[in-house]
PDB file of N, CA and C in Angstrom:
ATOM      1  N   MET A   1      51.684 107.231  97.208  1.00  0.00           N
ATOM      2  CA  MET A   1      52.789 108.370  97.293  1.00  0.00           C
ATOM      3  C   MET A   1      54.291 107.770  97.530  1.00  0.00           C
ATOM      4  N   TRP A   2      54.189 107.444  98.778  1.00  0.00           N
ATOM      5  CA  TRP A   2      55.485 106.938  99.604  1.00  0.00           C
ATOM      6  C   TRP A   2      55.598 105.487  98.968  1.00  0.00           C
ATOM      7  N   THR A   3      55.219 104.728  98.439  1.00  0.00           N
ATOM      8  CA  THR A   3      55.634 103.412  97.471  1.00  0.00           C
ATOM      9  C   THR A   3      56.546 104.324  96.407  1.00  0.00           C
ATOM     10  N   LEU A   4      55.741 104.688  95.521  1.00  0.00           N
ATOM     11  CA  LEU A   4      56.530 105.118  94.483  1.00  0.00           C
ATOM     12  C   LEU A   4      58.099 105.663  94.629  1.00  0.00           C
ATOM     13  N   ALA A   5      58.317 106.703  95.811  1.00  0.00           N
ATOM     14  CA  ALA A   5      59.263 107.110  96.236  1.00  0.00           C
ATOM     15  C   ALA A   5      60.024 105.876  96.314  1.00  0.00           C
ATOM     16  N   ALA A   6      59.655 104.622  97.120  1.00  0.00           N
ATOM     17  CA  ALA A   6      60.646 103.932  97.642  1.00  0.00           C
ATOM     18  C   ALA A   6      60.829 102.893  96.316  1.00  0.00           C
ATOM     19  N   ILE A   7      60.014 102.621  95.394  1.00  0.00           N
ATOM     20  CA  ILE A   7      60.556 101.969  94.436  1.00  0.00           C
ATOM     21  C   ILE A   7      61.672 103.097  93.284  1.00  0.00           C
ATOM     22  N   LEU A   8      61.193 103.869  93.413  1.00  0.00           N
ATOM     23  CA  LEU A   8      62.508 104.732  92.716  1.00  0.00           C
ATOM     24  C   LEU A   8      63.677 104.952  93.030  1.00  0.00           C
ATOM     25  N   LEU A   9      63.500 105.457  94.948  1.00  0.00           N
ATOM     26  CA  LEU A   9      64.742 104.841  95.441  1.00  0.00           C
ATOM     27  C   LEU A   9      65.823 103.690  95.582  1.00  0.00           C
ATOM     28  N   ILE A  10      65.076 102.323  95.783  1.00  0.00           N
ATOM     29  CA  ILE A  10      65.575 100.976  94.961  1.00  0.00           C
ATOM     30  C   ILE A  10      66.091 101.519  93.634  1.00  0.00           C
ATOM     31  N   GLY A  11      65.483 101.499  92.923  1.00  0.00           N
ATOM     32  CA  GLY A  11      65.847 101.260  91.317  1.00  0.00           C
ATOM     33  C   GLY A  11      67.336 102.079  91.226  1.00  0.00           C
ATOM     34  N   VAL A  12      67.254 103.566  91.563  1.00  0.00           N
ATOM     35  CA  VAL A  12      68.424 104.379  91.841  1.00  0.00           C
ATOM     36  C   VAL A  12      69.841 103.949  92.379  1.00  0.00           C
ATOM     37  N   ALA A  13      69.432 103.231  93.424  1.00  0.00           N
ATOM     38  CA  ALA A  13      70.509 102.148  94.351  1.00  0.00           C
ATOM     39  C   ALA A  13      70.971 101.201  93.542  1.00  0.00           C
ATOM     40  N   MET A  14      69.962 100.477  93.195  1.00  0.00           N
ATOM     41  CA  MET A  14      70.513  99.478  92.397  1.00  0.00           C
ATOM     42  C   MET A  14      71.056  99.975  91.055  1.00  0.00           C
ATOM     43  N   VAL A  15      71.022 100.607  90.227  1.00  0.00           N
ATOM     44  CA  VAL A  15      71.796 101.338  88.969  1.00  0.00           C
ATOM     45  C   VAL A  15      73.278 101.790  89.398  1.00  0.00           C
ATOM     46  N   ALA A  16      72.762 102.525  90.569  1.00  0.00           N
ATOM     47  CA  ALA A  16      74.673 102.931  91.067  1.00  0.00           C
ATOM     48  C   ALA A  16      75.205 101.905  91.421  1.00  0.00           C
ATOM     49  N   ILE A  17      74.856 100.561  92.269  1.00  0.00           N
ATOM     50  CA  ILE A  17      75.531  99.263  92.436  1.00  0.00           C
ATOM     51  C   ILE A  17      75.744  98.550  91.394  1.00  0.00           C
ATOM     52  N   ALA A  18      75.226  98.717  90.292  1.00  0.00           N
ATOM     53  CA  ALA A  18      75.290  97.873  88.963  1.00  0.00           C
ATOM     54  C   ALA A  18      76.595  98.791  88.230  1.00  0.00           C
ATOM     55  N   SER A  19      76.308  99.737  87.950  1.00  0.00           N
ATOM     56  CA  SER A  19      77.529 100.405  87.536  1.00  0.00           C
ATOM     57  C   SER A  19      78.928 100.617  87.990  1.00  0.00           C
ATOM     58  N   TYR A  20      78.654 100.427  89.792  1.00  0.00           N
ATOM     59  CA  TYR A  20      80.100 100.675  90.425  1.00  0.00           C
ATOM     60  C   TYR A  20      80.903  98.895  90.200  1.00  0.00           C
ATOM     61  N   LEU A  21      79.717  97.888  90.057  1.00  0.00           N
ATOM     62  CA  LEU A  21      80.458  97.067  90.077  1.00  0.00           C
ATOM     63  C   LEU A  21      80.760  96.658  88.878  1.00  0.00           C
ATOM     64  N   MET A  22      80.082  97.312  87.762  1.00  0.00           N
ATOM     65  CA  MET A  22      80.608  96.771  86.286  1.00  0.00           C
ATOM     66  C   MET A  22      81.888  97.130  85.576  1.00  0.00           C
ATOM     67  N   GLY A  23      82.341  98.361  86.477  1.00  0.00           N
ATOM     68  CA  GLY A  23      83.573  98.988  85.951  1.00  0.00           C
ATOM     69  C   GLY A  23      84.922  98.509  86.755  1.00  0.00           C
ATOM     70  N   ARG A  24      84.073  97.268  87.733  1.00  0.00           N
ATOM     71  CA  ARG A  24      85.304  96.443  88.449  1.00  0.00           C
ATOM     72  C   ARG A  24      86.551  96.162  87.489  1.00  0.00           C
ATOM     73  N   THR A  25      87.681  96.134  87.704  1.00  0.00           N
ATOM     74  CA  THR A  25      88.662  95.299  87.022  1.00  0.00           C
ATOM     75  C   THR A  25      89.236  93.881  88.300  1.00  0.00           C
ATOM     76  N   ARG A  26      89.100  92.685  87.591  1.00  0.00           N
ATOM     77  CA  ARG A  26      89.918  91.857  87.730  1.00  0.00           C
ATOM     78  C   ARG A  26      90.832  91.014  87.087  1.00  0.00           C
ATOM     79  N   ILE A  27      92.412  90.920  87.231  1.00  0.00           N
ATOM     80  CA  ILE A  27      93.031  90.466  86.689  1.00  0.00           C
ATOM     81  C   ILE A  27      93.940  89.655  86.930  1.00  0.00           C
ATOM     82  N   VAL A  28      94.147  88.294  86.750  1.00  0.00           N
ATOM     83  CA  VAL A  28      94.519  87.360  87.194  1.00  0.00           C
ATOM     84  C   VAL A  28      95.849  87.252  86.604  1.00  0.00           C
ATOM     85  N   LEU A  29      97.112  87.404  86.403  1.00  0.00           N
ATOM     86  CA  LEU A  29      98.407  87.425  85.565  1.00  0.00           C
ATOM     87  C   LEU A  29      98.774  85.895  86.055  1.00  0.00           C
ATOM     88  N   VAL A  30      99.281  85.210  84.886  1.00  0.00           N
ATOM     89  CA  VAL A  30     100.064  84.167  85.154  1.00  0.00           C
ATOM     90  C   VAL A  30     101.204  84.437  84.307  1.00  0.00           C
ATOM     91  N   ASN A  31     102.397  83.759  85.060  1.00  0.00           N
ATOM     92  CA  ASN A  31     103.911  83.528  84.801  1.00  0.00           C
ATOM     93  C   ASN A  31     104.478  82.633  83.795  1.00  0.00           C
ATOM     94  N   GLU A  32     104.444  83.205  82.459  1.00  0.00           N
ATOM     95  CA  GLU A  32     104.420  81.583  81.721  1.00  0.00           C
ATOM     96  C   GLU A  32     105.778  82.136  81.318  1.00  0.00           C
ATOM     97  N   THR A  33     106.284  82.799  81.679  1.00  0.00           N
ATOM     98  CA  THR A  33     107.938  83.596  81.040  1.00  0.00           C
ATOM     99  C   THR A  33     108.871  82.342  80.890  1.00  0.00           C
ATOM    100  N   GLY A  34     108.916  81.199  81.962  1.00  0.00           N
ATOM    101  CA  GLY A  34     109.680  80.506  81.942  1.00  0.00           C
ATOM    102  C   GLY A  34     111.022  80.718  82.841  1.00  0.00           C
ATOM    103  N   ARG A  35     110.564  82.094  83.702  1.00  0.00           N
ATOM    104  CA  ARG A  35     112.137  82.381  84.856  1.00  0.00           C
ATOM    105  C   ARG A  35     110.888  83.307  85.929  1.00  0.00           C
ATOM    106  N   GLU A  36     111.507  82.741  86.954  1.00  0.00           N
ATOM    107  CA  GLU A  36     111.050  83.542  88.277  1.00  0.00           C
ATOM    108  C   GLU A  36     111.279  84.991  88.120  1.00  0.00           C
ATOM    109  N   LEU A  37     109.865  85.863  88.406  1.00  0.00           N
ATOM    110  CA  LEU A  37     109.400  87.346  88.686  1.00  0.00           C
ATOM    111  C   LEU A  37     110.362  87.731  89.863  1.00  0.00           C
ATOM    112  N   ARG A  38     111.178  88.598  89.142  1.00  0.00           N
ATOM    113  CA  ARG A  38     111.515  89.368  90.903  1.00  0.00           C
ATOM    114  C   ARG A  38     110.207  90.318  91.372  1.00  0.00           C
ATOM    115  N   VAL A  39     109.351  90.893  90.265  1.00  0.00           N
ATOM    116  CA  VAL A  39     108.667  91.940  90.530  1.00  0.00           C
ATOM    117  C   VAL A  39     107.490  91.827  89.586  1.00  0.00           C
ATOM    118  N   LEU A  40     106.609  92.046  89.084  1.00  0.00           N
ATOM    119  CA  LEU A  40     105.734  91.714  88.611  1.00  0.00           C
ATOM    120  C   LEU A  40     104.483  92.891  88.649  1.00  0.00           C
ATOM    121  N   THR A  41     104.609  94.005  88.241  1.00  0.00           N
ATOM    122  CA  THR A  41     103.558  95.167  88.157  1.00  0.00           C
ATOM    123  C   THR A  41     102.377  95.004  86.800  1.00  0.00           C
ATOM    124  N   ALA A  42     101.969  95.288  87.314  1.00  0.00           N
ATOM    125  CA  ALA A  42     100.272  95.374  86.385  1.00  0.00           C
ATOM    126  C   ALA A  42      99.537  97.289  86.900  1.00  0.00           C
ATOM    127  N   ARG A  43      99.439  97.778  85.914  1.00  0.00           N
ATOM    128  CA  ARG A  43      98.733  99.081  85.673  1.00  0.00           C
ATOM    129  C   ARG A  43      97.411  99.159  84.957  1.00  0.00           C
ATOM    130  N   ILE A  44      97.057  99.652  85.895  1.00  0.00           N
ATOM    131  CA  ILE A  44      95.596 100.426  84.596  1.00  0.00           C
ATOM    132  C   ILE A  44      95.705 101.912  85.043  1.00  0.00           C
ATOM    133  N   PRO A  45      94.640 102.457  84.245  1.00  0.00           N
ATOM    134  CA  PRO A  45      94.504 104.113  84.675  1.00  0.00           C
ATOM    135  C   PRO A  45      93.951 104.520  86.185  1.00  0.00           C
ATOM    136  N   GLY A  46      94.840 104.959  87.144  1.00  0.00           N
ATOM    137  CA  GLY A  46      94.813 104.572  88.444  1.00  0.00           C
ATOM    138  C   GLY A  46      95.054 104.049  89.839  1.00  0.00           C
ATOM    139  N   GLU A  47      95.470 102.888  88.742  1.00  0.00           N
ATOM    140  CA  GLU A  47      95.527 101.917  90.019  1.00  0.00           C
ATOM    141  C   GLU A  47      96.986 101.120  89.681  1.00  0.00           C
ATOM    142  N   GLN A  48      97.207 100.522  90.452  1.00  0.00           N
ATOM    143  CA  GLN A  48      98.724  99.258  89.976  1.00  0.00           C
ATOM    144  C   GLN A  48      99.041  98.682  90.750  1.00  0.00           C
ATOM    145  N   CYS A  49      99.077  97.153  90.651  1.00  0.00           N
ATOM    146  CA  CYS A  49      99.812  96.277  91.351  1.00  0.00           C
ATOM    147  C   CYS A  49     100.874  95.519  91.147  1.00  0.00           C
ATOM    148  N   VAL A  50     101.922  95.621  93.057  1.00  0.00           N
ATOM    149  CA  VAL A  50     102.778  95.032  92.058  1.00  0.00           C
ATOM    150  C   VAL A  50     103.067  93.803  93.050  1.00  0.00           C
ATOM    151  N   PHE A  51     103.524  93.139  92.717  1.00  0.00           N
ATOM    152  CA  PHE A  51     103.678  91.569  93.239  1.00  0.00           C
ATOM    153  C   PHE A  51     105.215  90.868  93.291  1.00  0.00           C
ATOM    154  N   GLU A  52     105.655  90.608  94.202  1.00  0.00           N
ATOM    155  CA  GLU A  52     107.346  90.143  94.204  1.00  0.00           C
ATOM    156  C   GLU A  52     107.484  88.563  94.214  1.00  0.00           C
ATOM    157  N   LYS A  53     108.649  87.979  93.274  1.00  0.00           N
ATOM    158  CA  LYS A  53     108.950  86.808  93.902  1.00  0.00           C
ATOM    159  C   LYS A  53     107.648  85.872  93.381  1.00  0.00           C
ATOM    160  N   VAL A  54     107.131  86.100  91.809  1.00  0.00           N
ATOM    161  CA  VAL A  54     106.621  85.380  91.196  1.00  0.00           C
ATOM    162  C   VAL A  54     106.831  84.208  90.726  1.00  0.00           C
ATOM    163  N   PRO A  55     106.607  83.004  90.872  1.00  0.00           N
ATOM    164  CA  PRO A  55     107.640  81.838  90.347  1.00  0.00           C
ATOM    165  C   PRO A  55     107.137  81.395  89.295  1.00  0.00           C
ATOM    166  N   VAL A  56     107.590  80.855  88.615  1.00  0.00           N
ATOM    167  CA  VAL A  56     107.094  80.432  87.131  1.00  0.00           C
ATOM    168  C   VAL A  56     105.896  79.613  86.918  1.00  0.00           C
ATOM    169  N   HIS A  57     105.118  80.063  86.195  1.00  0.00           N
ATOM    170  CA  HIS A  57     103.228  79.586  86.538  1.00  0.00           C
ATOM    171  C   HIS A  57     102.557  79.753  87.944  1.00  0.00           C
ATOM    172  N   GLY A  58     103.156  80.858  88.206  1.00  0.00           N
ATOM    173  CA  GLY A  58     102.625  81.588  89.435  1.00  0.00           C
ATOM    174  C   GLY A  58     101.427  82.610  88.992  1.00  0.00           C
ATOM    175  N   ARG A  59     100.383  82.301  89.587  1.00  0.00           N
ATOM    176  CA  ARG A  59      99.217  83.254  89.750  1.00  0.00           C
ATOM    177  C   ARG A  59      98.784  84.365  90.367  1.00  0.00           C
ATOM    178  N   VAL A  60      98.716  85.746  90.386  1.00  0.00           N
ATOM    179  CA  VAL A  60      98.648  86.645  91.130  1.00  0.00           C
ATOM    180  C   VAL A  60      97.446  87.069  90.528  1.00  0.00           C
ATOM    181  N   VAL A  61      96.564  88.089  91.536  1.00  0.00           N
ATOM    182  CA  VAL A  61      95.090  88.456  91.164  1.00  0.00           C
ATOM    183  C   VAL A  61      95.375  89.681  91.061  1.00  0.00           C
ATOM    184  N   CYS A  62      94.758  91.004  90.218  1.00  0.00           N
ATOM    185  CA  CYS A  62      95.004  92.394  90.273  1.00  0.00           C
ATOM    186  C   CYS A  62      93.621  92.649  90.400  1.00  0.00           C
ATOM    187  N   GLN A  63      93.325  93.639  91.553  1.00  0.00           N
ATOM    188  CA  GLN A  63      91.686  94.265  91.314  1.00  0.00           C
ATOM    189  C   GLN A  63      91.764  95.717  91.697  1.00  0.00           C
ATOM    190  N   GLY A  64      90.646  96.526  91.106  1.00  0.00           N
ATOM    191  CA  GLY A  64      90.904  97.924  91.340  1.00  0.00           C
ATOM    192  C   GLY A  64      89.734  98.289  90.296  1.00  0.00           C
ATOM    193  N   ARG A  65      89.811  99.734  90.039  1.00  0.00           N
ATOM    194  CA  ARG A  65      88.891 100.300  89.318  1.00  0.00           C
ATOM    195  C   ARG A  65      89.521 101.447  87.987  1.00  0.00           C
ATOM    196  N   ALA A  66      89.777 101.383  87.054  1.00  0.00           N
ATOM    197  CA  ALA A  66      90.109 102.370  86.730  1.00  0.00           C
ATOM    198  C   ALA A  66      89.445 103.762  86.466  1.00  0.00           C
ATOM    199  N   ASN A  67      90.134 104.877  87.050  1.00  0.00           N
ATOM    200  CA  ASN A  67      89.759 106.137  87.056  1.00  0.00           C
ATOM    201  C   ASN A  67      90.111 107.123  85.995  1.00  0.00           C
ATOM    202  N   ALA A  68      90.076 106.574  84.684  1.00  0.00           N
ATOM    203  CA  ALA A  68      90.010 107.147  83.661  1.00  0.00           C
ATOM    204  C   ALA A  68      89.977 106.185  82.465  1.00  0.00           C
ATOM    205  N   ASP A  69      90.230 106.897  80.919  1.00  0.00           N
ATOM    206  CA  ASP A  69      90.899 105.455  80.368  1.00  0.00           C
ATOM    207  C   ASP A  69      91.764 105.555  79.529  1.00  0.00           C
ATOM    208  N   GLY A  70      92.158 104.222  79.110  1.00  0.00           N
ATOM    209  CA  GLY A  70      94.021 104.016  79.157  1.00  0.00           C
ATOM    210  C   GLY A  70      94.024 102.359  78.713  1.00  0.00           C
ATOM    211  N   ASP A  71      95.349 101.629  78.648  1.00  0.00           N
ATOM    212  CA  ASP A  71      95.956 100.775  78.429  1.00  0.00           C
ATOM    213  C   ASP A  71      95.944 100.262  79.840  1.00  0.00           C
ATOM    214  N   LEU A  72      95.785  98.478  79.383  1.00  0.00           N
ATOM    215  CA  LEU A  72      95.989  97.658  80.527  1.00  0.00           C
ATOM    216  C   LEU A  72      98.112  97.527  80.446  1.00  0.00           C
ATOM    217  N   LEU A  73      98.771  97.791  81.157  1.00  0.00           N
ATOM    218  CA  LEU A  73     100.121  97.760  81.114  1.00  0.00           C
ATOM    219  C   LEU A  73     100.880  96.847  82.129  1.00  0.00           C
ATOM    220  N   VAL A  74     101.469  96.136  81.777  1.00  0.00           N
ATOM    221  CA  VAL A  74     102.626  95.223  82.674  1.00  0.00           C
ATOM    222  C   VAL A  74     104.114  95.259  82.476  1.00  0.00           C
ATOM    223  N   ASP A  75     104.753  95.339  83.941  1.00  0.00           N
ATOM    224  CA  ASP A  75     105.996  95.496  84.292  1.00  0.00           C
ATOM    225  C   ASP A  75     106.421  94.378  84.320  1.00  0.00           C
ATOM    226  N   LEU A  76     108.144  93.754  84.049  1.00  0.00           N
ATOM    227  CA  LEU A  76     108.307  92.573  84.573  1.00  0.00           C
ATOM    228  C   LEU A  76     110.037  93.028  85.042  1.00  0.00           C
ATOM    229  N   GLU A  77     109.870  92.336  86.075  1.00  0.00           N
ATOM    230  CA  GLU A  77     111.561  93.181  86.694  1.00  0.00           C
ATOM    231  C   GLU A  77     112.443  91.012  86.582  1.00  0.00           C
ATOM    232  N   PHE A  78     112.865  91.085  85.811  1.00  0.00           N
ATOM    233  CA  PHE A  78     113.839  88.987  86.687  1.00  0.00           C
ATOM    234  C   PHE A  78     114.934  89.239  87.564  1.00  0.00           C
ATOM    235  N   THR A  79     114.459  87.902  87.979  1.00  0.00           N
ATOM    236  CA  THR A  79     115.677  88.231  89.123  1.00  0.00           C
ATOM    237  C   THR A  79     117.369  88.164  88.758  1.00  0.00           C
ATOM    238  N   ASP A  80     117.613  88.380  87.498  1.00  0.00           N
ATOM    239  CA  ASP A  80     119.025  89.038  87.150  1.00  0.00           C
ATOM    240  C   ASP A  80     119.111  90.845  86.731  1.00  0.00           C
ATOM    241  N   GLY A  81     118.036  91.081  86.858  1.00  0.00           N
ATOM    242  CA  GLY A  81     117.817  92.200  87.145  1.00  0.00           C
ATOM    243  C   GLY A  81     117.083  93.160  85.414  1.00  0.00           C
ATOM    244  N   SER A  82     116.966  92.295  84.282  1.00  0.00           N
ATOM    245  CA  SER A  82     116.701  93.076  83.642  1.00  0.00           C
ATOM    246  C   SER A  82     115.371  93.520  83.674  1.00  0.00           C
ATOM    247  N   LYS A  83     114.897  94.596  82.683  1.00  0.00           N
ATOM    248  CA  LYS A  83     113.283  94.596  82.619  1.00  0.00           C
ATOM    249  C   LYS A  83     112.880  94.883  81.504  1.00  0.00           C
ATOM    250  N   VAL A  84     111.635  94.356  81.510  1.00  0.00           N
ATOM    251  CA  VAL A  84     110.515  94.610  80.509  1.00  0.00           C
ATOM    252  C   VAL A  84     109.372  95.135  80.815  1.00  0.00           C
ATOM    253  N   GLN A  85     108.951  96.313  79.967  1.00  0.00           N
ATOM    254  CA  GLN A  85     107.701  96.997  80.159  1.00  0.00           C
ATOM    255  C   GLN A  85     106.514  96.285  78.925  1.00  0.00           C
ATOM    256  N   LEU A  86     105.456  96.191  79.258  1.00  0.00           N
ATOM    257  CA  LEU A  86     104.603  95.283  77.459  1.00  0.00           C
ATOM    258  C   LEU A  86     103.373  96.085  77.657  1.00  0.00           C
ATOM    259  N   GLU A  87     102.975  96.283  76.754  1.00  0.00           N
ATOM    260  CA  GLU A  87     101.386  97.313  76.532  1.00  0.00           C
ATOM    261  C   GLU A  87     100.640  95.782  76.175  1.00  0.00           C
ATOM    262  N   THR A  88      99.983  96.119  76.312  1.00  0.00           N
ATOM    263  CA  THR A  88      98.684  94.309  76.340  1.00  0.00           C
ATOM    264  C   THR A  88      97.993  94.777  74.849  1.00  0.00           C
ATOM    265  N   GLY A  89      97.469  96.109  74.375  1.00  0.00           N
ATOM    266  CA  GLY A  89      96.636  96.670  73.610  1.00  0.00           C
ATOM    267  C   GLY A  89      95.169  96.450  74.042  1.00  0.00           C
ATOM    268  N   GLU A  90      95.094  96.672  75.604  1.00  0.00           N
ATOM    269  CA  GLU A  90      93.508  96.276  76.298  1.00  0.00           C
ATOM    270  C   GLU A  90      92.861  97.699  76.812  1.00  0.00           C
ATOM    271  N   PHE A  91      92.372  97.756  76.168  1.00  0.00           N
ATOM    272  CA  PHE A  91      91.453  99.297  76.091  1.00  0.00           C
ATOM    273  C   PHE A  91      90.434  98.911  77.493  1.00  0.00           C
ATOM    274  N   LEU A  92      90.960 100.111  78.737  1.00  0.00           N
ATOM    275  CA  LEU A  92      90.229 100.119  79.842  1.00  0.00           C
ATOM    276  C   LEU A  92      89.563 101.449  80.193  1.00  0.00           C
ATOM    277  N   ASN A  93      88.591 101.694  80.942  1.00  0.00           N
ATOM    278  CA  ASN A  93      87.855 102.616  81.134  1.00  0.00           C
ATOM    279  C   ASN A  93      86.915 102.148  82.625  1.00  0.00           C
ATOM    280  N   PRO A  94      86.926 103.534  82.989  1.00  0.00           N
ATOM    281  CA  PRO A  94      85.581 103.466  84.572  1.00  0.00           C
ATOM    282  C   PRO A  94      84.456 102.583  84.304  1.00  0.00           C
ATOM    283  N   LEU A  95      84.021 102.825  83.038  1.00  0.00           N
ATOM    284  CA  LEU A  95      82.616 101.991  83.122  1.00  0.00           C
ATOM    285  C   LEU A  95      82.399 100.750  82.861  1.00  0.00           C
ATOM    286  N   PHE A  96      83.336 100.080  81.784  1.00  0.00           N
ATOM    287  CA  PHE A  96      83.402  98.458  81.511  1.00  0.00           C
ATOM    288  C   PHE A  96      84.759  97.830  82.407  1.00  0.00           C
ATOM    289  N   GLY A  97      85.678  98.156  82.692  1.00  0.00           N
ATOM    290  CA  GLY A  97      87.059  97.909  83.269  1.00  0.00           C
ATOM    291  C   GLY A  97      87.284  96.378  82.598  1.00  0.00           C
ATOM    292  N   PHE A  98      87.698  95.286  83.595  1.00  0.00           N
ATOM    293  CA  PHE A  98      88.261  94.148  82.616  1.00  0.00           C
ATOM    294  C   PHE A  98      88.027  93.055  82.959  1.00  0.00           C
ATOM    295  N   ARG A  99      87.612  91.876  82.728  1.00  0.00           N
ATOM    296  CA  ARG A  99      87.622  90.939  83.604  1.00  0.00           C
ATOM    297  C   ARG A  99      88.179  89.483  82.872  1.00  0.00           C
ATOM    298  N   GLY A 100      89.330  89.056  83.633  1.00  0.00           N
ATOM    299  CA  GLY A 100      90.007  88.357  82.860  1.00  0.00           C
ATOM    300  C   GLY A 100      91.213  87.876  83.367  1.00  0.00           C
ATOM    301  N   VAL A 101      91.857  86.880  82.295  1.00  0.00           N
ATOM    302  CA  VAL A 101      93.205  86.591  82.588  1.00  0.00           C
ATOM    303  C   VAL A 101      93.988  86.649  81.459  1.00  0.00           C
ATOM    304  N   ALA A 102      95.433  87.545  81.851  1.00  0.00           N
ATOM    305  CA  ALA A 102      96.773  88.174  81.548  1.00  0.00           C
ATOM    306  C   ALA A 102      97.943  86.980  81.673  1.00  0.00           C
ATOM    307  N   THR A 103      97.792  86.131  80.612  1.00  0.00           N
ATOM    308  CA  THR A 103      99.416  85.201  80.912  1.00  0.00           C
ATOM    309  C   THR A 103     100.500  86.403  80.066  1.00  0.00           C
ATOM    310  N   VAL A 104     101.225  86.032  81.039  1.00  0.00           N
ATOM    311  CA  VAL A 104     102.966  86.805  80.443  1.00  0.00           C
ATOM    312  C   VAL A 104     103.566  85.557  79.729  1.00  0.00           C
ATOM    313  N   LYS A 105     103.616  85.775  78.462  1.00  0.00           N
ATOM    314  CA  LYS A 105     104.340  84.365  77.862  1.00  0.00           C
ATOM    315  C   LYS A 105     106.097  85.278  77.898  1.00  0.00           C
ATOM    316  N   ALA A 106     106.916  83.326  77.148  1.00  0.00           N
ATOM    317  CA  ALA A 106     108.242  83.793  77.572  1.00  0.00           C
ATOM    318  C   ALA A 106     108.618  84.653  75.931  1.00  0.00           C
ATOM    319  N   ASP A 107     107.909  84.823  75.168  1.00  0.00           N
ATOM    320  CA  ASP A 107     108.144  85.638  73.996  1.00  0.00           C
ATOM    321  C   ASP A 107     107.960  86.822  74.044  1.00  0.00           C
ATOM    322  N   GLY A 108     107.463  87.786  75.355  1.00  0.00           N
ATOM    323  CA  GLY A 108     107.996  88.756  75.588  1.00  0.00           C
ATOM    324  C   GLY A 108     106.138  89.628  75.160  1.00  0.00           C
ATOM    325  N   GLY A 109     105.270  88.195  75.473  1.00  0.00           N
ATOM    326  CA  GLY A 109     104.065  89.112  74.832  1.00  0.00           C
ATOM    327  C   GLY A 109     103.075  88.379  76.033  1.00  0.00           C
ATOM    328  N   VAL A 110     101.763  89.226  75.727  1.00  0.00           N
ATOM    329  CA  VAL A 110     100.615  89.198  76.709  1.00  0.00           C
ATOM    330  C   VAL A 110      99.386  88.381  75.805  1.00  0.00           C
ATOM    331  N   SER A 111      99.622  87.753  76.687  1.00  0.00           N
ATOM    332  CA  SER A 111      97.901  86.972  75.692  1.00  0.00           C
ATOM    333  C   SER A 111      96.518  87.125  77.159  1.00  0.00           C
ATOM    334  N   LEU A 112      95.480  87.723  76.540  1.00  0.00           N
ATOM    335  CA  LEU A 112      94.636  87.965  77.379  1.00  0.00           C
ATOM    336  C   LEU A 112      93.075  87.790  76.767  1.00  0.00           C
ATOM    337  N   ARG A 113      92.577  86.908  78.263  1.00  0.00           N
ATOM    338  CA  ARG A 113      91.156  86.202  77.997  1.00  0.00           C
ATOM    339  C   ARG A 113      90.332  86.995  79.028  1.00  0.00           C
ATOM    340  N   ARG A 114      89.025  87.250  78.028  1.00  0.00           N
ATOM    341  CA  ARG A 114      88.195  87.812  79.036  1.00  0.00           C
ATOM    342  C   ARG A 114      87.299  86.711  79.946  1.00  0.00           C
ATOM    343  N   ASP A 115      86.910  86.955  81.328  1.00  0.00           N
ATOM    344  CA  ASP A 115      85.901  86.333  81.867  1.00  0.00           C
ATOM    345  C   ASP A 115      84.558  86.900  81.293  1.00  0.00           C
TER     346      ASP A 115
END
């Protein structure tokens, strides 16, 4: 009887841990705009990562967990004060999240690669 209860408890704990880890989002953002960024902001539903002074070819990591369905958004502010908001078209949600690399390109686009 106790063995069955222990097995069930371990099974429930494993499912809870797996579902928590599955929905985590980890994005490596790469600045390939050809210019230094004063501010680089990555936004997922319920989380926001802000990085300052990101050099050309610089890499930063944004980690979190979406708390709702929505898209990954990237905001750029250049050293001259100009700003750009980019929609990646990558859908995120609390269950699946996203793990990969987002490269911000000079043409104003973002290319995504899943890990």
